[in-house]
Structure formats: structure tokens, C-alpha cells
PDB file of N, CA and C in Angstrom:
ATOM      1  N   MET A   1     -31.252  -7.518 -11.163  1.00  0.00           N
ATOM      2  CA  MET A   1     -30.150  -8.450 -11.055  1.00  0.00           C
ATOM      3  C   MET A   1     -28.812  -7.718 -11.176  1.00  0.00           C
ATOM      4  N   LYS A   2     -28.726  -6.786 -12.138  1.00  0.00           N
ATOM      5  CA  LYS A   2     -27.483  -6.043 -12.310  1.00  0.00           C
ATOM      6  C   LYS A   2     -27.179  -5.197 -11.085  1.00  0.00           C
ATOM      7  N   LEU A   3     -28.206  -4.639 -10.471  1.00  0.00           N
ATOM      8  CA  LEU A   3     -28.016  -3.815  -9.279  1.00  0.00           C
ATOM      9  C   LEU A   3     -27.474  -4.654  -8.123  1.00  0.00           C
ATOM     10  N   VAL A   4     -27.992  -5.859  -7.965  1.00  0.00           N
ATOM     11  CA  VAL A   4     -27.528  -6.741  -6.900  1.00  0.00           C
ATOM     12  C   VAL A   4     -26.066  -7.111  -7.124  1.00  0.00           C
ATOM     13  N   LEU A   5     -25.691  -7.445  -8.357  1.00  0.00           N
ATOM     14  CA  LEU A   5     -24.303  -7.793  -8.660  1.00  0.00           C
ATOM     15  C   LEU A   5     -23.376  -6.600  -8.456  1.00  0.00           C
ATOM     16  N   THR A   6     -23.829  -5.417  -8.840  1.00  0.00           N
ATOM     17  CA  THR A   6     -23.026  -4.211  -8.656  1.00  0.00           C
ATOM     18  C   THR A   6     -22.803  -3.924  -7.175  1.00  0.00           C
ATOM     19  N   LEU A   7     -23.850  -4.032  -6.369  1.00  0.00           N
ATOM     20  CA  LEU A   7     -23.716  -3.808  -4.932  1.00  0.00           C
ATOM     21  C   LEU A   7     -22.812  -4.861  -4.284  1.00  0.00           C
ATOM     22  N   LEU A   8     -22.948  -6.106  -4.706  1.00  0.00           N
ATOM     23  CA  LEU A   8     -22.111  -7.174  -4.171  1.00  0.00           C
ATOM     24  C   LEU A   8     -20.644  -6.922  -4.502  1.00  0.00           C
ATOM     25  N   PHE A   9     -20.372  -6.508  -5.727  1.00  0.00           N
ATOM     26  CA  PHE A   9     -19.004  -6.197  -6.129  1.00  0.00           C
ATOM     27  C   PHE A   9     -18.454  -5.011  -5.342  1.00  0.00           C
ATOM     28  N   ALA A  10     -19.257  -3.975  -5.133  1.00  0.00           N
ATOM     29  CA  ALA A  10     -18.822  -2.788  -4.388  1.00  0.00           C
ATOM     30  C   ALA A  10     -18.507  -3.137  -2.939  1.00  0.00           C
ATOM     31  N   VAL A  11     -19.328  -3.944  -2.308  1.00  0.00           N
ATOM     32  CA  VAL A  11     -19.090  -4.335  -0.918  1.00  0.00           C
ATOM     33  C   VAL A  11     -17.830  -5.189  -0.819  1.00  0.00           C
ATOM     34  N   THR A  12     -17.642  -6.096  -1.769  1.00  0.00           N
ATOM     35  CA  THR A  12     -16.448  -6.933  -1.777  1.00  0.00           C
ATOM     36  C   THR A  12     -15.202  -6.087  -1.972  1.00  0.00           C
ATOM     37  N   THR A  13     -15.251  -5.128  -2.864  1.00  0.00           N
ATOM     38  CA  THR A  13     -14.116  -4.260  -3.120  1.00  0.00           C
ATOM     39  C   THR A  13     -13.794  -3.423  -1.895  1.00  0.00           C
ATOM     40  N   LEU A  14     -14.793  -2.889  -1.241  1.00  0.00           N
ATOM     41  CA  LEU A  14     -14.561  -2.072  -0.060  1.00  0.00           C
ATOM     42  C   LEU A  14     -13.980  -2.893   1.090  1.00  0.00           C
ATOM     43  N   SER A  15     -14.429  -4.114   1.238  1.00  0.00           N
ATOM     44  CA  SER A  15     -13.934  -4.930   2.339  1.00  0.00           C
ATOM     45  C   SER A  15     -12.489  -5.367   2.114  1.00  0.00           C
ATOM     46  N   VAL A  16     -12.069  -5.511   0.867  1.00  0.00           N
ATOM     47  CA  VAL A  16     -10.689  -5.896   0.583  1.00  0.00           C
ATOM     48  C   VAL A  16      -9.738  -4.771   0.954  1.00  0.00           C
ATOM     49  N   HIS A  17     -10.081  -3.533   0.635  1.00  0.00           N
ATOM     50  CA  HIS A  17      -9.202  -2.401   0.880  1.00  0.00           C
ATOM     51  C   HIS A  17      -9.364  -1.813   2.272  1.00  0.00           C
ATOM     52  N   ALA A  18     -10.312  -2.280   3.042  1.00  0.00           N
ATOM     53  CA  ALA A  18     -10.576  -1.685   4.349  1.00  0.00           C
ATOM     54  C   ALA A  18      -9.457  -1.964   5.350  1.00  0.00           C
ATOM     55  N   ASP A  19      -8.728  -3.062   5.195  1.00  0.00           N
ATOM     56  CA  ASP A  19      -7.698  -3.427   6.150  1.00  0.00           C
ATOM     57  C   ASP A  19      -6.344  -2.808   5.837  1.00  0.00           C
ATOM     58  N   GLU A  20      -6.187  -2.202   4.663  1.00  0.00           N
ATOM     59  CA  GLU A  20      -4.918  -1.586   4.304  1.00  0.00           C
ATOM     60  C   GLU A  20      -4.772  -0.235   4.990  1.00  0.00           C
ATOM     61  N   LYS A  21      -3.557   0.089   5.374  1.00  0.00           N
ATOM     62  CA  LYS A  21      -3.258   1.367   6.024  1.00  0.00           C
ATOM     63  C   LYS A  21      -2.464   2.231   5.060  1.00  0.00           C
ATOM     64  N   ARG A  22      -2.705   3.542   5.093  1.00  0.00           N
ATOM     65  CA  ARG A  22      -1.985   4.478   4.236  1.00  0.00           C
ATOM     66  C   ARG A  22      -1.108   5.374   5.087  1.00  0.00           C
ATOM     67  N   ILE A  23       0.087   5.661   4.598  1.00  0.00           N
ATOM     68  CA  ILE A  23       1.011   6.594   5.234  1.00  0.00           C
ATOM     69  C   ILE A  23       1.218   7.744   4.262  1.00  0.00           C
ATOM     70  N   TYR A  24       0.889   8.948   4.698  1.00  0.00           N
ATOM     71  CA  TYR A  24       0.994  10.133   3.844  1.00  0.00           C
ATOM     72  C   TYR A  24       2.201  10.971   4.246  1.00  0.00           C
ATOM     73  N   GLN A  25       2.751  11.690   3.273  1.00  0.00           N
ATOM     74  CA  GLN A  25       3.811  12.647   3.550  1.00  0.00           C
ATOM     75  C   GLN A  25       3.197  13.888   4.182  1.00  0.00           C
ATOM     76  N   THR A  26       3.981  14.560   5.042  1.00  0.00           N
ATOM     77  CA  THR A  26       3.522  15.801   5.653  1.00  0.00           C
ATOM     78  C   THR A  26       4.562  16.885   5.421  1.00  0.00           C
ATOM     79  N   ASP A  27       4.121  18.142   5.522  1.00  0.00           N
ATOM     80  CA  ASP A  27       5.061  19.253   5.418  1.00  0.00           C
ATOM     81  C   ASP A  27       5.616  19.582   6.803  1.00  0.00           C
ATOM     82  N   SER A  28       6.397  20.664   6.904  1.00  0.00           N
ATOM     83  CA  SER A  28       7.043  21.002   8.176  1.00  0.00           C
ATOM     84  C   SER A  28       6.052  21.428   9.248  1.00  0.00           C
ATOM     85  N   HIS A  29       4.818  21.752   8.858  1.00  0.00           N
ATOM     86  CA  HIS A  29       3.786  22.154   9.812  1.00  0.00           C
ATOM     87  C   HIS A  29       2.874  21.008  10.213  1.00  0.00           C
ATOM     88  N   GLY A  30       3.075  19.828   9.614  1.00  0.00           N
ATOM     89  CA  GLY A  30       2.262  18.668   9.941  1.00  0.00           C
ATOM     90  C   GLY A  30       1.034  18.503   9.063  1.00  0.00           C
ATOM     91  N   ASN A  31       0.918  19.304   7.996  1.00  0.00           N
ATOM     92  CA  ASN A  31      -0.218  19.183   7.082  1.00  0.00           C
ATOM     93  C   ASN A  31       0.008  18.012   6.127  1.00  0.00           C
ATOM     94  N   ILE A  32      -1.010  17.197   5.937  1.00  0.00           N
ATOM     95  CA  ILE A  32      -0.907  16.047   5.046  1.00  0.00           C
ATOM     96  C   ILE A  32      -0.823  16.527   3.604  1.00  0.00           C
ATOM     97  N   GLN A  33       0.126  15.963   2.864  1.00  0.00           N
ATOM     98  CA  GLN A  33       0.335  16.299   1.453  1.00  0.00           C
ATOM     99  C   GLN A  33      -0.334  15.232   0.580  1.00  0.00           C
ATOM    100  N   TYR A  34      -1.609  15.408   0.296  1.00  0.00           N
ATOM    101  CA  TYR A  34      -2.361  14.427  -0.484  1.00  0.00           C
ATOM    102  C   TYR A  34      -1.916  14.391  -1.939  1.00  0.00           C
ATOM    103  N   ASN A  35      -1.251  15.456  -2.414  1.00  0.00           N
ATOM    104  CA  ASN A  35      -0.836  15.526  -3.811  1.00  0.00           C
ATOM    105  C   ASN A  35       0.500  14.830  -4.066  1.00  0.00           C
ATOM    106  N   LYS A  36       1.127  14.277  -3.031  1.00  0.00           N
ATOM    107  CA  LYS A  36       2.401  13.570  -3.166  1.00  0.00           C
ATOM    108  C   LYS A  36       2.184  12.078  -2.961  1.00  0.00           C
ATOM    109  N   PRO A  37       3.120  11.263  -3.466  1.00  0.00           N
ATOM    110  CA  PRO A  37       2.975   9.807  -3.286  1.00  0.00           C
ATOM    111  C   PRO A  37       2.923   9.422  -1.816  1.00  0.00           C
ATOM    112  N   SER A  38       2.189   8.366  -1.530  1.00  0.00           N
ATOM    113  CA  SER A  38       2.069   7.846  -0.169  1.00  0.00           C
ATOM    114  C   SER A  38       2.486   6.379  -0.182  1.00  0.00           C
ATOM    115  N   ARG A  39       2.398   5.732   0.940  1.00  0.00           N
ATOM    116  CA  ARG A  39       2.709   4.304   1.051  1.00  0.00           C
ATOM    117  C   ARG A  39       1.480   3.575   1.577  1.00  0.00           C
ATOM    118  N   THR A  40       1.263   2.371   1.083  1.00  0.00           N
ATOM    119  CA  THR A  40       0.177   1.519   1.548  1.00  0.00           C
ATOM    120  C   THR A  40       0.785   0.302   2.232  1.00  0.00           C
ATOM    121  N   ILE A  41       0.338   0.017   3.449  1.00  0.00           N
ATOM    122  CA  ILE A  41       0.780  -1.181   4.163  1.00  0.00           C
ATOM    123  C   ILE A  41      -0.338  -2.210   4.060  1.00  0.00           C
ATOM    124  N   GLN A  42      -0.048  -3.310   3.406  1.00  0.00           N
ATOM    125  CA  GLN A  42      -1.036  -4.365   3.222  1.00  0.00           C
ATOM    126  C   GLN A  42      -1.069  -5.283   4.430  1.00  0.00           C
ATOM    127  N   ASN A  43      -2.061  -6.157   4.475  1.00  0.00           N
ATOM    128  CA  ASN A  43      -2.243  -7.074   5.601  1.00  0.00           C
ATOM    129  C   ASN A  43      -1.062  -8.002   5.815  1.00  0.00           C
ATOM    130  N   ASP A  44      -0.375  -8.373   4.737  1.00  0.00           N
ATOM    131  CA  ASP A  44       0.755  -9.290   4.859  1.00  0.00           C
ATOM    132  C   ASP A  44       2.056  -8.576   5.203  1.00  0.00           C
ATOM    133  N   GLY A  45       2.026  -7.254   5.428  1.00  0.00           N
ATOM    134  CA  GLY A  45       3.203  -6.500   5.821  1.00  0.00           C
ATOM    135  C   GLY A  45       3.952  -5.861   4.675  1.00  0.00           C
ATOM    136  N   ARG A  46       3.469  -6.020   3.453  1.00  0.00           N
ATOM    137  CA  ARG A  46       4.129  -5.391   2.310  1.00  0.00           C
ATOM    138  C   ARG A  46       3.842  -3.901   2.298  1.00  0.00           C
ATOM    139  N   ILE A  47       4.863  -3.117   1.990  1.00  0.00           N
ATOM    140  CA  ILE A  47       4.732  -1.663   1.881  1.00  0.00           C
ATOM    141  C   ILE A  47       4.929  -1.306   0.418  1.00  0.00           C
ATOM    142  N   ILE A  48       3.907  -0.684  -0.184  1.00  0.00           N
ATOM    143  CA  ILE A  48       3.926  -0.374  -1.607  1.00  0.00           C
ATOM    144  C   ILE A  48       3.666   1.108  -1.792  1.00  0.00           C
ATOM    145  N   GLU A  49       4.455   1.740  -2.674  1.00  0.00           N
ATOM    146  CA  GLU A  49       4.226   3.150  -2.980  1.00  0.00           C
ATOM    147  C   GLU A  49       2.909   3.293  -3.736  1.00  0.00           C
ATOM    148  N   THR A  50       2.175   4.357  -3.420  1.00  0.00           N
ATOM    149  CA  THR A  50       0.869   4.610  -4.019  1.00  0.00           C
ATOM    150  C   THR A  50       0.843   6.040  -4.528  1.00  0.00           C
ATOM    151  N   ASP A  51       0.329   6.246  -5.745  1.00  0.00           N
ATOM    152  CA  ASP A  51       0.279   7.601  -6.285  1.00  0.00           C
ATOM    153  C   ASP A  51      -0.846   8.396  -5.623  1.00  0.00           C
ATOM    154  N   PRO A  52      -0.943   9.710  -5.883  1.00  0.00           N
ATOM    155  CA  PRO A  52      -1.969  10.525  -5.226  1.00  0.00           C
ATOM    156  C   PRO A  52      -3.405  10.098  -5.526  1.00  0.00           C
ATOM    157  N   TYR A  53      -3.609   9.308  -6.591  1.00  0.00           N
ATOM    158  CA  TYR A  53      -4.951   8.867  -6.963  1.00  0.00           C
ATOM    159  C   TYR A  53      -5.324   7.522  -6.350  1.00  0.00           C
ATOM    160  N   GLY A  54      -4.403   6.911  -5.607  1.00  0.00           N
ATOM    161  CA  GLY A  54      -4.685   5.634  -4.956  1.00  0.00           C
ATOM    162  C   GLY A  54      -4.235   4.419  -5.726  1.00  0.00           C
ATOM    163  N   ASN A  55      -3.545   4.603  -6.865  1.00  0.00           N
ATOM    164  CA  ASN A  55      -3.062   3.477  -7.653  1.00  0.00           C
ATOM    165  C   ASN A  55      -1.723   3.001  -7.102  1.00  0.00           C
ATOM    166  N   LYS A  56      -1.618   1.719  -6.840  1.00  0.00           N
ATOM    167  CA  LYS A  56      -0.377   1.169  -6.315  1.00  0.00           C
ATOM    168  C   LYS A  56       0.661   1.117  -7.430  1.00  0.00           C
ATOM    169  N   GLN A  57       1.881   1.508  -7.104  1.00  0.00           N
ATOM    170  CA  GLN A  57       2.982   1.546  -8.057  1.00  0.00           C
ATOM    171  C   GLN A  57       3.834   0.284  -7.869  1.00  0.00           C
ATOM    172  N   TYR A  58       3.363  -0.816  -8.470  1.00  0.00           N
ATOM    173  CA  TYR A  58       4.017  -2.102  -8.283  1.00  0.00           C
ATOM    174  C   TYR A  58       5.399  -2.158  -8.935  1.00  0.00           C
ATOM    175  N   HIS A  59       5.690  -1.275  -9.883  1.00  0.00           N
ATOM    176  CA  HIS A  59       6.986  -1.281 -10.550  1.00  0.00           C
ATOM    177  C   HIS A  59       8.065  -0.556  -9.744  1.00  0.00           C
ATOM    178  N   LYS A  60       7.704   0.092  -8.641  1.00  0.00           N
ATOM    179  CA  LYS A  60       8.670   0.789  -7.792  1.00  0.00           C
ATOM    180  C   LYS A  60       9.097  -0.116  -6.639  1.00  0.00           C
ATOM    181  N   GLN A  61      10.084   0.338  -5.868  1.00  0.00           N
ATOM    182  CA  GLN A  61      10.648  -0.459  -4.775  1.00  0.00           C
ATOM    183  C   GLN A  61       9.590  -0.805  -3.723  1.00  0.00           C
ATOM    184  N   HIS A  62       9.545  -2.091  -3.314  1.00  0.00           N
ATOM    185  CA  HIS A  62       8.650  -2.563  -2.257  1.00  0.00           C
ATOM    186  C   HIS A  62       9.464  -2.879  -1.020  1.00  0.00           C
ATOM    187  N   TYR A  63       8.766  -2.931   0.101  1.00  0.00           N
ATOM    188  CA  TYR A  63       9.391  -3.327   1.358  1.00  0.00           C
ATOM    189  C   TYR A  63       8.476  -4.327   2.052  1.00  0.00           C
ATOM    190  N   GLN A  64       9.039  -5.093   2.965  1.00  0.00           N
ATOM    191  CA  GLN A  64       8.294  -6.101   3.708  1.00  0.00           C
ATOM    192  C   GLN A  64       8.618  -5.949   5.187  1.00  0.00           C
ATOM    193  N   ILE A  65       7.575  -5.895   6.022  1.00  0.00           N
ATOM    194  CA  ILE A  65       7.771  -5.867   7.465  1.00  0.00           C
ATOM    195  C   ILE A  65       7.785  -7.313   7.942  1.00  0.00           C
ATOM    196  N   LYS A  66       8.867  -7.691   8.618  1.00  0.00           N
ATOM    197  CA  LYS A  66       8.983  -9.055   9.141  1.00  0.00           C
ATOM    198  C   LYS A  66       9.569  -8.941  10.538  1.00  0.00           C
ATOM    199  N   GLY A  67       8.739  -9.210  11.540  1.00  0.00           N
ATOM    200  CA  GLY A  67       9.165  -9.044  12.925  1.00  0.00           C
ATOM    201  C   GLY A  67       9.330  -7.560  13.230  1.00  0.00           C
ATOM    202  N   ASP A  68      10.498  -7.196  13.727  1.00  0.00           N
ATOM    203  CA  ASP A  68      10.795  -5.792  14.011  1.00  0.00           C
ATOM    204  C   ASP A  68      11.614  -5.151  12.910  1.00  0.00           C
ATOM    205  N   ASN A  69      11.828  -5.841  11.801  1.00  0.00           N
ATOM    206  CA  ASN A  69      12.684  -5.343  10.722  1.00  0.00           C
ATOM    207  C   ASN A  69      11.872  -5.051   9.469  1.00  0.00           C
ATOM    208  N   ILE A  70      12.421  -4.168   8.640  1.00  0.00           N
ATOM    209  CA  ILE A  70      11.839  -3.849   7.339  1.00  0.00           C
ATOM    210  C   ILE A  70      12.882  -4.206   6.288  1.00  0.00           C
ATOM    211  N   TYR A  71      12.506  -5.041   5.315  1.00  0.00           N
ATOM    212  CA  TYR A  71      13.416  -5.510   4.281  1.00  0.00           C
ATOM    213  C   TYR A  71      12.953  -5.043   2.919  1.00  0.00           C
ATOM    214  N   GLN A  72      13.911  -4.843   1.998  1.00  0.00           N
ATOM    215  CA  GLN A  72      13.575  -4.584   0.605  1.00  0.00           C
ATOM    216  C   GLN A  72      13.120  -5.890  -0.030  1.00  0.00           C
ATOM    217  N   THR A  73      12.216  -5.792  -0.991  1.00  0.00           N
ATOM    218  CA  THR A  73      11.778  -6.977  -1.731  1.00  0.00           C
ATOM    219  C   THR A  73      11.909  -6.712  -3.211  1.00  0.00           C
ATOM    220  N   ASP A  74      11.906  -7.791  -3.995  1.00  0.00           N
ATOM    221  CA  ASP A  74      11.880  -7.632  -5.437  1.00  0.00           C
ATOM    222  C   ASP A  74      10.432  -7.447  -5.890  1.00  0.00           C
ATOM    223  N   LEU A  75      10.218  -7.374  -7.194  1.00  0.00           N
ATOM    224  CA  LEU A  75       8.877  -7.107  -7.712  1.00  0.00           C
ATOM    225  C   LEU A  75       7.889  -8.233  -7.438  1.00  0.00           C
ATOM    226  N   VAL A  76       8.399  -9.442  -7.208  1.00  0.00           N
ATOM    227  CA  VAL A  76       7.533 -10.584  -6.925  1.00  0.00           C
ATOM    228  C   VAL A  76       7.149 -10.627  -5.454  1.00  0.00           C
ATOM    229  N   GLY A  77       7.985 -10.035  -4.591  1.00  0.00           N
ATOM    230  CA  GLY A  77       7.720 -10.037  -3.164  1.00  0.00           C
ATOM    231  C   GLY A  77       8.711 -10.835  -2.352  1.00  0.00           C
ATOM    232  N   ASN A  78       9.757 -11.365  -3.013  1.00  0.00           N
ATOM    233  CA  ASN A  78      10.795 -12.109  -2.304  1.00  0.00           C
ATOM    234  C   ASN A  78      11.692 -11.140  -1.546  1.00  0.00           C
ATOM    235  N   ILE A  79      11.949 -11.428  -0.277  1.00  0.00           N
ATOM    236  CA  ILE A  79      12.782 -10.555   0.550  1.00  0.00           C
ATOM    237  C   ILE A  79      14.228 -10.628   0.079  1.00  0.00           C
ATOM    238  N   GLN A  80      14.852  -9.452  -0.053  1.00  0.00           N
ATOM    239  CA  GLN A  80      16.251  -9.343  -0.438  1.00  0.00           C
ATOM    240  C   GLN A  80      17.074  -9.109   0.815  1.00  0.00           C
ATOM    241  N   TYR A  81      17.476 -10.186   1.488  1.00  0.00           N
ATOM    242  CA  TYR A  81      18.178 -10.071   2.762  1.00  0.00           C
ATOM    243  C   TYR A  81      19.540  -9.410   2.627  1.00  0.00           C
ATOM    244  N   HIS A  82      20.148  -9.504   1.447  1.00  0.00           N
ATOM    245  CA  HIS A  82      21.486  -8.956   1.260  1.00  0.00           C
ATOM    246  C   HIS A  82      21.498  -7.452   1.001  1.00  0.00           C
ATOM    247  N   LYS A  83      20.337  -6.832   0.850  1.00  0.00           N
ATOM    248  CA  LYS A  83      20.260  -5.384   0.605  1.00  0.00           C
ATOM    249  C   LYS A  83      19.867  -4.655   1.885  1.00  0.00           C
ATOM    250  N   PRO A  84      20.502  -3.502   2.147  1.00  0.00           N
ATOM    251  CA  PRO A  84      20.106  -2.726   3.338  1.00  0.00           C
ATOM    252  C   PRO A  84      18.744  -2.095   3.135  1.00  0.00           C
ATOM    253  N   SER A  85      18.031  -1.864   4.221  1.00  0.00           N
ATOM    254  CA  SER A  85      16.712  -1.251   4.099  1.00  0.00           C
ATOM    255  C   SER A  85      16.706   0.153   4.631  1.00  0.00           C
TER     256      SER A  85
END
């Protein structure tokens, strides 16, 4: 029973993160810098900074993709239209 619950939880966890896209920093030669912070783009268009271990840094600045524009958001996710992006 525990094995079934563990497998079910693992599959659910993998399917939730499967749709997110990661953007990594690169050096001048085009090599991916896995040891530096990256950005995660979620399904709803939110862009969140992510540390090298994959933990999302919710306390840092977020952005939201809306149409062809990228806006800054507050920690809750409300778009700050009066701030430049």
C-alpha cells in the first residue's frame, strides 16, 4: 500500500512540474551555467527566479507574461502596471 501511494505521489509531482520551462544563464561561449540562478516560466505565464538546486525563490522579484508584454508583479502575483519591466 505504501509503495502504491509513493508511486502515485511521484507521478503526480512529475506531471505538475513537467509543463514548466526553465531558462538558464550562459557564458560567452554558450555553455549553460547550472551553478547560477535560473528562471522558471509557469503555465500561467509567471516567471520566478530559481536557485541552482531547483527551489523557487518566491521572495525575489516575479514577472508575468501577458500578451506580448512582460510586467513586474508583487509577491502575491498582482501585476504592477505602474512599474517598468
